[in-house]
PDB file of N, CA and C in Angstrom:
ATOM      1  N   MET A   1      14.034 -23.178  16.338  1.00  0.00           N
ATOM      2  CA  MET A   1      14.733 -23.300  15.280  1.00  0.00           C
ATOM      3  C   MET A   1      13.930 -23.199  13.704  1.00  0.00           C
ATOM      4  N   SER A   2      12.424 -23.227  13.857  1.00  0.00           N
ATOM      5  CA  SER A   2      11.687 -23.131  12.755  1.00  0.00           C
ATOM      6  C   SER A   2      11.704 -21.819  12.213  1.00  0.00           C
ATOM      7  N   THR A   3      11.762 -20.739  13.234  1.00  0.00           N
ATOM      8  CA  THR A   3      11.779 -19.340  12.676  1.00  0.00           C
ATOM      9  C   THR A   3      13.038 -18.978  11.797  1.00  0.00           C
ATOM     10  N   TRP A   4      14.092 -19.925  12.160  1.00  0.00           N
ATOM     11  CA  TRP A   4      15.204 -19.669  11.169  1.00  0.00           C
ATOM     12  C   TRP A   4      15.140 -20.185   9.759  1.00  0.00           C
ATOM     13  N   VAL A   5      14.094 -21.419   9.788  1.00  0.00           N
ATOM     14  CA  VAL A   5      14.175 -22.091   8.439  1.00  0.00           C
ATOM     15  C   VAL A   5      13.197 -21.266   7.551  1.00  0.00           C
ATOM     16  N   ALA A   6      12.045 -20.556   8.439  1.00  0.00           N
ATOM     17  CA  ALA A   6      11.332 -19.595   7.415  1.00  0.00           C
ATOM     18  C   ALA A   6      12.166 -18.428   6.963  1.00  0.00           C
ATOM     19  N   ILE A   7      13.061 -17.867   7.761  1.00  0.00           N
ATOM     20  CA  ILE A   7      13.871 -16.735   7.325  1.00  0.00           C
ATOM     21  C   ILE A   7      14.621 -17.247   6.073  1.00  0.00           C
ATOM     22  N   VAL A   8      15.437 -18.385   6.374  1.00  0.00           N
ATOM     23  CA  VAL A   8      16.077 -18.830   5.129  1.00  0.00           C
ATOM     24  C   VAL A   8      15.170 -18.978   3.801  1.00  0.00           C
ATOM     25  N   ALA A   9      14.166 -19.744   4.095  1.00  0.00           N
ATOM     26  CA  ALA A   9      13.051 -20.124   2.806  1.00  0.00           C
ATOM     27  C   ALA A   9      12.716 -18.788   2.430  1.00  0.00           C
ATOM     28  N   THR A  10      12.361 -17.744   3.254  1.00  0.00           N
ATOM     29  CA  THR A  10      11.938 -16.527   2.520  1.00  0.00           C
ATOM     30  C   THR A  10      13.060 -15.887   1.646  1.00  0.00           C
ATOM     31  N   CYS A  11      14.559 -15.574   2.422  1.00  0.00           N
ATOM     32  CA  CYS A  11      15.629 -14.977   1.577  1.00  0.00           C
ATOM     33  C   CYS A  11      15.478 -16.006   0.082  1.00  0.00           C
ATOM     34  N   ALA A  12      15.664 -17.187   0.328  1.00  0.00           N
ATOM     35  CA  ALA A  12      15.766 -18.077  -1.134  1.00  0.00           C
ATOM     36  C   ALA A  12      14.825 -17.678  -1.817  1.00  0.00           C
ATOM     37  N   GLY A  13      13.073 -17.383  -1.536  1.00  0.00           N
ATOM     38  CA  GLY A  13      12.356 -17.109  -2.322  1.00  0.00           C
ATOM     39  C   GLY A  13      12.480 -15.808  -2.953  1.00  0.00           C
ATOM     40  N   CYS A  14      12.887 -14.836  -2.082  1.00  0.00           N
ATOM     41  CA  CYS A  14      12.897 -13.471  -2.683  1.00  0.00           C
ATOM     42  C   CYS A  14      14.195 -13.636  -3.891  1.00  0.00           C
ATOM     43  N   TYR A  15      15.275 -14.011  -3.291  1.00  0.00           N
ATOM     44  CA  TYR A  15      16.374 -14.292  -4.582  1.00  0.00           C
ATOM     45  C   TYR A  15      15.789 -14.643  -5.572  1.00  0.00           C
ATOM     46  N   LEU A  16      15.101 -15.845  -5.383  1.00  0.00           N
ATOM     47  CA  LEU A  16      14.806 -16.607  -6.611  1.00  0.00           C
ATOM     48  C   LEU A  16      13.493 -15.720  -7.820  1.00  0.00           C
ATOM     49  N   VAL A  17      12.603 -15.160  -7.274  1.00  0.00           N
ATOM     50  CA  VAL A  17      11.830 -14.184  -7.500  1.00  0.00           C
ATOM     51  C   VAL A  17      12.517 -12.943  -8.378  1.00  0.00           C
ATOM     52  N   LYS A  18      13.842 -12.252  -7.623  1.00  0.00           N
ATOM     53  CA  LYS A  18      14.527 -11.483  -8.424  1.00  0.00           C
ATOM     54  C   LYS A  18      15.073 -11.837  -9.392  1.00  0.00           C
ATOM     55  N   LEU A  19      15.699 -13.096  -9.469  1.00  0.00           N
ATOM     56  CA  LEU A  19      16.576 -13.819 -10.508  1.00  0.00           C
ATOM     57  C   LEU A  19      15.571 -14.156 -11.704  1.00  0.00           C
ATOM     58  N   ALA A  20      14.209 -14.271 -11.352  1.00  0.00           N
ATOM     59  CA  ALA A  20      13.267 -14.754 -12.417  1.00  0.00           C
ATOM     60  C   ALA A  20      13.057 -13.583 -13.143  1.00  0.00           C
ATOM     61  N   GLY A  21      13.174 -12.392 -12.826  1.00  0.00           N
ATOM     62  CA  GLY A  21      12.791 -11.159 -13.105  1.00  0.00           C
ATOM     63  C   GLY A  21      13.834 -10.802 -13.933  1.00  0.00           C
ATOM     64  N   LEU A  22      15.126 -11.024 -13.438  1.00  0.00           N
ATOM     65  CA  LEU A  22      16.355 -10.715 -14.568  1.00  0.00           C
ATOM     66  C   LEU A  22      16.444 -11.326 -15.978  1.00  0.00           C
ATOM     67  N   LEU A  23      15.960 -12.406 -15.435  1.00  0.00           N
ATOM     68  CA  LEU A  23      15.793 -13.841 -16.970  1.00  0.00           C
ATOM     69  C   LEU A  23      14.652 -13.640 -17.850  1.00  0.00           C
ATOM     70  N   VAL A  24      13.886 -12.259 -17.567  1.00  0.00           N
ATOM     71  CA  VAL A  24      12.940 -12.245 -18.675  1.00  0.00           C
ATOM     72  C   VAL A  24      13.448 -11.306 -19.858  1.00  0.00           C
ATOM     73  N   PRO A  25      13.280 -11.849 -20.931  1.00  0.00           N
ATOM     74  CA  PRO A  25      13.727 -11.322 -22.161  1.00  0.00           C
ATOM     75  C   PRO A  25      13.594  -9.724 -22.410  1.00  0.00           C
ATOM     76  N   ALA A  26      14.360  -8.745 -22.649  1.00  0.00           N
ATOM     77  CA  ALA A  26      14.139  -7.507 -22.897  1.00  0.00           C
ATOM     78  C   ALA A  26      13.048  -7.289 -23.963  1.00  0.00           C
ATOM     79  N   GLY A  27      12.737  -8.057 -24.699  1.00  0.00           N
ATOM     80  CA  GLY A  27      11.797  -7.864 -25.866  1.00  0.00           C
ATOM     81  C   GLY A  27      10.156  -8.099 -25.235  1.00  0.00           C
ATOM     82  N   VAL A  28      10.148  -9.001 -23.962  1.00  0.00           N
ATOM     83  CA  VAL A  28       9.000  -8.922 -23.322  1.00  0.00           C
ATOM     84  C   VAL A  28       8.533  -7.937 -22.736  1.00  0.00           C
ATOM     85  N   LEU A  29       9.547  -7.311 -22.137  1.00  0.00           N
ATOM     86  CA  LEU A  29       9.322  -5.824 -21.047  1.00  0.00           C
ATOM     87  C   LEU A  29       9.417  -4.735 -21.822  1.00  0.00           C
ATOM     88  N   GLU A  30       9.314  -4.598 -23.344  1.00  0.00           N
ATOM     89  CA  GLU A  30       8.987  -3.542 -23.966  1.00  0.00           C
ATOM     90  C   GLU A  30       7.506  -3.694 -24.948  1.00  0.00           C
ATOM     91  N   ARG A  31       6.971  -4.819 -24.595  1.00  0.00           N
ATOM     92  CA  ARG A  31       5.741  -4.947 -25.088  1.00  0.00           C
ATOM     93  C   ARG A  31       4.546  -3.847 -24.687  1.00  0.00           C
ATOM     94  N   PRO A  32       3.964  -3.243 -25.329  1.00  0.00           N
ATOM     95  CA  PRO A  32       2.953  -2.109 -24.583  1.00  0.00           C
ATOM     96  C   PRO A  32       2.267  -2.389 -23.558  1.00  0.00           C
ATOM     97  N   LEU A  33       1.527  -3.747 -23.784  1.00  0.00           N
ATOM     98  CA  LEU A  33       0.677  -4.022 -22.641  1.00  0.00           C
ATOM     99  C   LEU A  33       1.628  -4.365 -21.343  1.00  0.00           C
ATOM    100  N   VAL A  34       2.679  -5.058 -21.432  1.00  0.00           N
ATOM    101  CA  VAL A  34       3.577  -5.043 -20.065  1.00  0.00           C
ATOM    102  C   VAL A  34       3.849  -3.639 -19.670  1.00  0.00           C
ATOM    103  N   ARG A  35       3.943  -3.021 -20.578  1.00  0.00           N
ATOM    104  CA  ARG A  35       4.850  -1.665 -19.991  1.00  0.00           C
ATOM    105  C   ARG A  35       3.375  -0.957 -19.268  1.00  0.00           C
ATOM    106  N   ARG A  36       2.260  -0.839 -19.683  1.00  0.00           N
ATOM    107  CA  ARG A  36       1.340  -0.227 -19.141  1.00  0.00           C
ATOM    108  C   ARG A  36       0.932  -0.839 -17.699  1.00  0.00           C
ATOM    109  N   LEU A  37       1.003  -2.360 -17.565  1.00  0.00           N
ATOM    110  CA  LEU A  37       0.739  -2.981 -16.522  1.00  0.00           C
ATOM    111  C   LEU A  37       1.665  -2.815 -15.411  1.00  0.00           C
ATOM    112  N   ALA A  38       2.905  -2.556 -15.983  1.00  0.00           N
ATOM    113  CA  ALA A  38       4.117  -2.392 -14.984  1.00  0.00           C
ATOM    114  C   ALA A  38       4.130  -0.784 -14.470  1.00  0.00           C
ATOM    115  N   GLY A  39       3.230   0.196 -15.195  1.00  0.00           N
ATOM    116  CA  GLY A  39       2.992   1.234 -14.591  1.00  0.00           C
ATOM    117  C   GLY A  39       1.737   1.490 -13.482  1.00  0.00           C
ATOM    118  N   LEU A  40       0.890   0.438 -14.007  1.00  0.00           N
ATOM    119  CA  LEU A  40      -0.137   0.489 -12.958  1.00  0.00           C
ATOM    120  C   LEU A  40       0.049  -0.235 -11.764  1.00  0.00           C
ATOM    121  N   LEU A  41       0.681  -1.287 -11.844  1.00  0.00           N
ATOM    122  CA  LEU A  41       0.735  -2.235 -10.654  1.00  0.00           C
ATOM    123  C   LEU A  41       1.284  -1.556  -9.242  1.00  0.00           C
ATOM    124  N   PRO A  42       2.133  -0.645  -9.324  1.00  0.00           N
ATOM    125  CA  PRO A  42       2.560  -0.262  -7.872  1.00  0.00           C
ATOM    126  C   PRO A  42       1.184   0.671  -7.233  1.00  0.00           C
ATOM    127  N   VAL A  43       0.593   1.387  -8.381  1.00  0.00           N
ATOM    128  CA  VAL A  43      -0.565   2.157  -7.926  1.00  0.00           C
ATOM    129  C   VAL A  43      -1.493   1.154  -7.299  1.00  0.00           C
ATOM    130  N   ALA A  44      -1.671   0.209  -7.932  1.00  0.00           N
ATOM    131  CA  ALA A  44      -2.873  -0.834  -7.489  1.00  0.00           C
ATOM    132  C   ALA A  44      -2.389  -1.334  -6.108  1.00  0.00           C
ATOM    133  N   LEU A  45      -1.021  -2.176  -5.702  1.00  0.00           N
ATOM    134  CA  LEU A  45      -0.575  -2.542  -4.673  1.00  0.00           C
ATOM    135  C   LEU A  45      -0.696  -1.484  -3.606  1.00  0.00           C
ATOM    136  N   LEU A  46      -0.137  -0.223  -3.871  1.00  0.00           N
ATOM    137  CA  LEU A  46      -0.314   0.698  -2.673  1.00  0.00           C
ATOM    138  C   LEU A  46      -1.795   1.028  -2.357  1.00  0.00           C
ATOM    139  N   ALA A  47      -2.712   0.884  -3.120  1.00  0.00           N
ATOM    140  CA  ALA A  47      -4.587   1.398  -2.984  1.00  0.00           C
ATOM    141  C   ALA A  47      -4.747   0.286  -2.228  1.00  0.00           C
ATOM    142  N   ALA A  48      -4.393  -1.271  -2.690  1.00  0.00           N
ATOM    143  CA  ALA A  48      -4.758  -2.609  -1.671  1.00  0.00           C
ATOM    144  C   ALA A  48      -4.117  -2.435  -0.331  1.00  0.00           C
ATOM    145  N   LEU A  49      -3.023  -1.990  -0.121  1.00  0.00           N
ATOM    146  CA  LEU A  49      -2.082  -2.152   1.184  1.00  0.00           C
ATOM    147  C   LEU A  49      -3.207  -0.748   2.026  1.00  0.00           C
ATOM    148  N   THR A  50      -3.414   0.069   1.386  1.00  0.00           N
ATOM    149  CA  THR A  50      -3.805   1.212   2.276  1.00  0.00           C
ATOM    150  C   THR A  50      -5.419   0.779   2.320  1.00  0.00           C
ATOM    151  N   ALA A  51      -6.414   0.182   1.621  1.00  0.00           N
ATOM    152  CA  ALA A  51      -7.507   0.035   2.040  1.00  0.00           C
ATOM    153  C   ALA A  51      -7.332  -1.137   3.099  1.00  0.00           C
ATOM    154  N   GLN A  52      -6.256  -2.183   2.840  1.00  0.00           N
ATOM    155  CA  GLN A  52      -6.404  -3.265   3.894  1.00  0.00           C
ATOM    156  C   GLN A  52      -5.802  -2.778   5.516  1.00  0.00           C
ATOM    157  N   GLN A  53      -5.237  -1.729   5.299  1.00  0.00           N
ATOM    158  CA  GLN A  53      -4.876  -1.160   6.399  1.00  0.00           C
ATOM    159  C   GLN A  53      -5.702  -0.464   7.357  1.00  0.00           C
ATOM    160  N   THR A  54      -6.656   0.387   6.613  1.00  0.00           N
ATOM    161  CA  THR A  54      -7.598   1.224   7.049  1.00  0.00           C
ATOM    162  C   THR A  54      -8.671   0.559   7.475  1.00  0.00           C
ATOM    163  N   PHE A  55      -9.321  -0.590   6.696  1.00  0.00           N
ATOM    164  CA  PHE A  55     -10.674  -0.911   6.988  1.00  0.00           C
ATOM    165  C   PHE A  55     -10.847  -2.408   7.586  1.00  0.00           C
ATOM    166  N   ALA A  56      -9.367  -2.914   7.537  1.00  0.00           N
ATOM    167  CA  ALA A  56      -9.634  -4.302   8.270  1.00  0.00           C
ATOM    168  C   ALA A  56      -9.093  -4.544   9.654  1.00  0.00           C
ATOM    169  N   ASP A  57      -9.966  -5.069  10.390  1.00  0.00           N
ATOM    170  CA  ASP A  57      -9.363  -5.208  11.905  1.00  0.00           C
ATOM    171  C   ASP A  57      -9.322  -6.742  12.143  1.00  0.00           C
ATOM    172  N   GLY A  58      -8.453  -7.291  11.910  1.00  0.00           N
ATOM    173  CA  GLY A  58      -8.471  -8.921  12.166  1.00  0.00           C
ATOM    174  C   GLY A  58      -9.107  -9.304  10.706  1.00  0.00           C
ATOM    175  N   HIS A  59     -10.214 -10.124  10.933  1.00  0.00           N
ATOM    176  CA  HIS A  59     -10.869 -10.615  10.060  1.00  0.00           C
ATOM    177  C   HIS A  59     -12.256  -9.892   9.795  1.00  0.00           C
ATOM    178  N   ALA A  60     -12.535  -8.509  10.455  1.00  0.00           N
ATOM    179  CA  ALA A  60     -13.506  -8.045  10.572  1.00  0.00           C
ATOM    180  C   ALA A  60     -13.384  -6.576   9.599  1.00  0.00           C
ATOM    181  N   LEU A  61     -14.488  -6.213   8.969  1.00  0.00           N
ATOM    182  CA  LEU A  61     -14.512  -4.964   8.500  1.00  0.00           C
ATOM    183  C   LEU A  61     -14.548  -3.593   9.590  1.00  0.00           C
ATOM    184  N   ALA A  62     -13.779  -2.663   9.538  1.00  0.00           N
ATOM    185  CA  ALA A  62     -13.629  -1.773  10.585  1.00  0.00           C
ATOM    186  C   ALA A  62     -13.870  -0.352  10.101  1.00  0.00           C
ATOM    187  N   LEU A  63     -14.807   0.338  10.569  1.00  0.00           N
ATOM    188  CA  LEU A  63     -15.036   1.516  10.119  1.00  0.00           C
ATOM    189  C   LEU A  63     -14.900   2.648  11.257  1.00  0.00           C
ATOM    190  N   ASP A  64     -13.593   3.050  11.537  1.00  0.00           N
ATOM    191  CA  ASP A  64     -13.292   3.993  12.633  1.00  0.00           C
ATOM    192  C   ASP A  64     -12.309   5.304  12.498  1.00  0.00           C
ATOM    193  N   ALA A  65     -11.735   5.603  12.917  1.00  0.00           N
ATOM    194  CA  ALA A  65     -10.853   7.067  12.909  1.00  0.00           C
ATOM    195  C   ALA A  65      -9.935   6.935  11.562  1.00  0.00           C
ATOM    196  N   ARG A  66      -9.292   5.659  11.430  1.00  0.00           N
ATOM    197  CA  ARG A  66      -8.578   5.649  10.222  1.00  0.00           C
ATOM    198  C   ARG A  66      -9.263   5.904   8.886  1.00  0.00           C
ATOM    199  N   ALA A  67     -10.510   5.396   8.944  1.00  0.00           N
ATOM    200  CA  ALA A  67     -11.551   5.494   7.755  1.00  0.00           C
ATOM    201  C   ALA A  67     -11.517   7.031   7.307  1.00  0.00           C
ATOM    202  N   ALA A  68     -12.072   7.838   8.560  1.00  0.00           N
ATOM    203  CA  ALA A  68     -12.045   9.361   8.708  1.00  0.00           C
ATOM    204  C   ALA A  68     -10.770  10.123   8.244  1.00  0.00           C
ATOM    205  N   GLY A  69      -9.349   9.536   8.518  1.00  0.00           N
ATOM    206  CA  GLY A  69      -8.740  10.118   8.160  1.00  0.00           C
ATOM    207  C   GLY A  69      -8.081  10.209   6.716  1.00  0.00           C
ATOM    208  N   LEU A  70      -8.563   8.875   6.386  1.00  0.00           N
ATOM    209  CA  LEU A  70      -8.462   8.549   4.609  1.00  0.00           C
ATOM    210  C   LEU A  70      -9.358   9.605   3.744  1.00  0.00           C
ATOM    211  N   ALA A  71     -10.463   9.749   4.368  1.00  0.00           N
ATOM    212  CA  ALA A  71     -11.443  10.476   3.794  1.00  0.00           C
ATOM    213  C   ALA A  71     -11.118  11.994   3.812  1.00  0.00           C
ATOM    214  N   ALA A  72     -10.400  12.558   4.619  1.00  0.00           N
ATOM    215  CA  ALA A  72     -10.022  13.555   4.904  1.00  0.00           C
ATOM    216  C   ALA A  72      -8.826  13.765   3.504  1.00  0.00           C
ATOM    217  N   ALA A  73      -8.058  13.145   3.688  1.00  0.00           N
ATOM    218  CA  ALA A  73      -6.913  13.094   2.941  1.00  0.00           C
ATOM    219  C   ALA A  73      -7.381  12.916   1.619  1.00  0.00           C
ATOM    220  N   ALA A  74      -8.193  12.219   1.233  1.00  0.00           N
ATOM    221  CA  ALA A  74      -8.593  12.017  -0.404  1.00  0.00           C
ATOM    222  C   ALA A  74      -9.218  13.701  -0.913  1.00  0.00           C
ATOM    223  N   VAL A  75     -10.048  14.156   0.690  1.00  0.00           N
ATOM    224  CA  VAL A  75     -10.588  15.482   0.035  1.00  0.00           C
ATOM    225  C   VAL A  75      -9.575  16.356  -0.234  1.00  0.00           C
ATOM    226  N   ALA A  76      -8.407  16.232   0.769  1.00  0.00           N
ATOM    227  CA  ALA A  76      -7.352  17.313   0.401  1.00  0.00           C
ATOM    228  C   ALA A  76      -6.568  16.924  -0.626  1.00  0.00           C
ATOM    229  N   LEU A  77      -6.493  15.831  -1.190  1.00  0.00           N
ATOM    230  CA  LEU A  77      -5.907  15.271  -2.348  1.00  0.00           C
ATOM    231  C   LEU A  77      -6.740  15.988  -3.745  1.00  0.00           C
ATOM    232  N   VAL A  78      -8.070  15.941  -3.676  1.00  0.00           N
ATOM    233  CA  VAL A  78      -8.795  16.446  -4.514  1.00  0.00           C
ATOM    234  C   VAL A  78      -8.683  18.109  -4.764  1.00  0.00           C
ATOM    235  N   LEU A  79      -8.556  18.718  -3.653  1.00  0.00           N
ATOM    236  CA  LEU A  79      -8.267  20.105  -3.646  1.00  0.00           C
ATOM    237  C   LEU A  79      -6.904  20.476  -3.888  1.00  0.00           C
ATOM    238  N   ARG A  80      -5.976  19.262  -4.214  1.00  0.00           N
ATOM    239  CA  ARG A  80      -4.886  19.609  -4.808  1.00  0.00           C
ATOM    240  C   ARG A  80      -3.912  20.282  -3.520  1.00  0.00           C
ATOM    241  N   ALA A  81      -3.918  19.674  -2.542  1.00  0.00           N
ATOM    242  CA  ALA A  81      -3.001  20.347  -1.371  1.00  0.00           C
ATOM    243  C   ALA A  81      -1.736  19.435  -1.616  1.00  0.00           C
ATOM    244  N   PRO A  82      -0.653  20.044  -1.046  1.00  0.00           N
ATOM    245  CA  PRO A  82       0.681  19.445  -1.161  1.00  0.00           C
ATOM    246  C   PRO A  82       0.668  18.286  -0.253  1.00  0.00           C
ATOM    247  N   PHE A  83       1.577  17.160  -0.669  1.00  0.00           N
ATOM    248  CA  PHE A  83       1.775  16.297   0.039  1.00  0.00           C
ATOM    249  C   PHE A  83       1.422  16.149   1.762  1.00  0.00           C
ATOM    250  N   LEU A  84       2.749  17.269   2.064  1.00  0.00           N
ATOM    251  CA  LEU A  84       2.771  17.042   3.578  1.00  0.00           C
ATOM    252  C   LEU A  84       1.417  17.701   4.067  1.00  0.00           C
ATOM    253  N   LEU A  85       0.806  18.518   3.532  1.00  0.00           N
ATOM    254  CA  LEU A  85      -0.504  19.079   3.968  1.00  0.00           C
ATOM    255  C   LEU A  85      -1.473  17.944   4.068  1.00  0.00           C
ATOM    256  N   VAL A  86      -1.604  17.259   3.223  1.00  0.00           N
ATOM    257  CA  VAL A  86      -2.464  15.827   2.980  1.00  0.00           C
ATOM    258  C   VAL A  86      -2.332  15.018   4.066  1.00  0.00           C
ATOM    259  N   VAL A  87      -0.832  15.025   4.412  1.00  0.00           N
ATOM    260  CA  VAL A  87      -0.450  13.995   5.553  1.00  0.00           C
ATOM    261  C   VAL A  87      -0.972  14.470   6.821  1.00  0.00           C
ATOM    262  N   ALA A  88      -0.638  15.952   6.890  1.00  0.00           N
ATOM    263  CA  ALA A  88      -0.998  16.536   8.027  1.00  0.00           C
ATOM    264  C   ALA A  88      -2.738  16.662   8.579  1.00  0.00           C
ATOM    265  N   VAL A  89      -3.207  16.685   7.405  1.00  0.00           N
ATOM    266  CA  VAL A  89      -4.640  16.617   7.561  1.00  0.00           C
ATOM    267  C   VAL A  89      -5.181  15.238   7.920  1.00  0.00           C
ATOM    268  N   ALA A  90      -4.736  14.363   7.110  1.00  0.00           N
ATOM    269  CA  ALA A  90      -5.064  12.958   7.471  1.00  0.00           C
ATOM    270  C   ALA A  90      -4.488  12.636   9.208  1.00  0.00           C
ATOM    271  N   VAL A  91      -3.472  13.177   9.578  1.00  0.00           N
ATOM    272  CA  VAL A  91      -3.036  12.712  10.836  1.00  0.00           C
ATOM    273  C   VAL A  91      -4.237  13.534  11.894  1.00  0.00           C
ATOM    274  N   GLY A  92      -4.362  14.931  11.577  1.00  0.00           N
ATOM    275  CA  GLY A  92      -5.092  15.813  12.201  1.00  0.00           C
ATOM    276  C   GLY A  92      -6.537  15.037  12.560  1.00  0.00           C
ATOM    277  N   VAL A  93      -7.108  14.725  11.341  1.00  0.00           N
ATOM    278  CA  VAL A  93      -8.627  14.430  11.455  1.00  0.00           C
ATOM    279  C   VAL A  93      -8.527  12.784  12.162  1.00  0.00           C
ATOM    280  N   THR A  94      -7.697  12.217  12.142  1.00  0.00           N
ATOM    281  CA  THR A  94      -7.832  10.897  12.757  1.00  0.00           C
ATOM    282  C   THR A  94      -7.330  10.993  14.095  1.00  0.00           C
ATOM    283  N   ALA A  95      -6.317  11.936  14.691  1.00  0.00           N
ATOM    284  CA  ALA A  95      -6.560  12.209  15.914  1.00  0.00           C
ATOM    285  C   ALA A  95      -7.616  12.820  16.550  1.00  0.00           C
ATOM    286  N   GLY A  96      -8.034  13.542  15.913  1.00  0.00           N
ATOM    287  CA  GLY A  96      -9.487  14.417  16.243  1.00  0.00           C
ATOM    288  C   GLY A  96     -10.687  13.427  16.760  1.00  0.00           C
ATOM    289  N   VAL A  97     -10.723  12.311  15.679  1.00  0.00           N
ATOM    290  CA  VAL A  97     -11.745  11.567  15.898  1.00  0.00           C
ATOM    291  C   VAL A  97     -11.431  10.665  17.062  1.00  0.00           C
ATOM    292  N   ARG A  98     -10.233  10.025  17.191  1.00  0.00           N
ATOM    293  CA  ARG A  98     -10.226   9.246  18.354  1.00  0.00           C
ATOM    294  C   ARG A  98     -10.151  10.010  19.528  1.00  0.00           C
ATOM    295  N   ALA A  99      -9.939  11.280  19.614  1.00  0.00           N
ATOM    296  CA  ALA A  99      -9.950  11.873  20.514  1.00  0.00           C
ATOM    297  C   ALA A  99     -11.260  12.394  21.256  1.00  0.00           C
ATOM    298  N   LEU A 100     -12.084  12.478  20.126  1.00  0.00           N
ATOM    299  CA  LEU A 100     -13.623  12.599  20.411  1.00  0.00           C
ATOM    300  C   LEU A 100     -14.542  11.154  20.661  1.00  0.00           C
ATOM    301  N   GLY A 101     -13.971  10.317  20.076  1.00  0.00           N
ATOM    302  CA  GLY A 101     -14.140   8.789  20.258  1.00  0.00           C
ATOM    303  C   GLY A 101     -14.074   8.024  21.691  1.00  0.00           C
ATOM    304  N   GLY A 102     -13.000   8.414  22.321  1.00  0.00           N
ATOM    305  CA  GLY A 102     -12.735   7.982  23.331  1.00  0.00           C
ATOM    306  C   GLY A 102     -11.285   7.287  23.337  1.00  0.00           C
TER     307      GLY A 102
END
């Protein structure tokens, strides 16, 4: 039963956060600082999620095949490779390092 309570509470929380966003006055959203932060926030969140998924193993720091794949993807991005090629390079390097490492 506690699982359903958690699901309902999460749904209510998400709804309230969305409602709070709709209640913000338009004048606040037009401020230059708010517009700049709104543009940077998704990039920062994606970077944080990528770092957490790449370098975390539970509560410990992990440097494994995922880090090599991320590094290869970064090199492909610096070389201005197309997005699908960046993904393919990251997958290939990660798979290669895992195959070599056991």
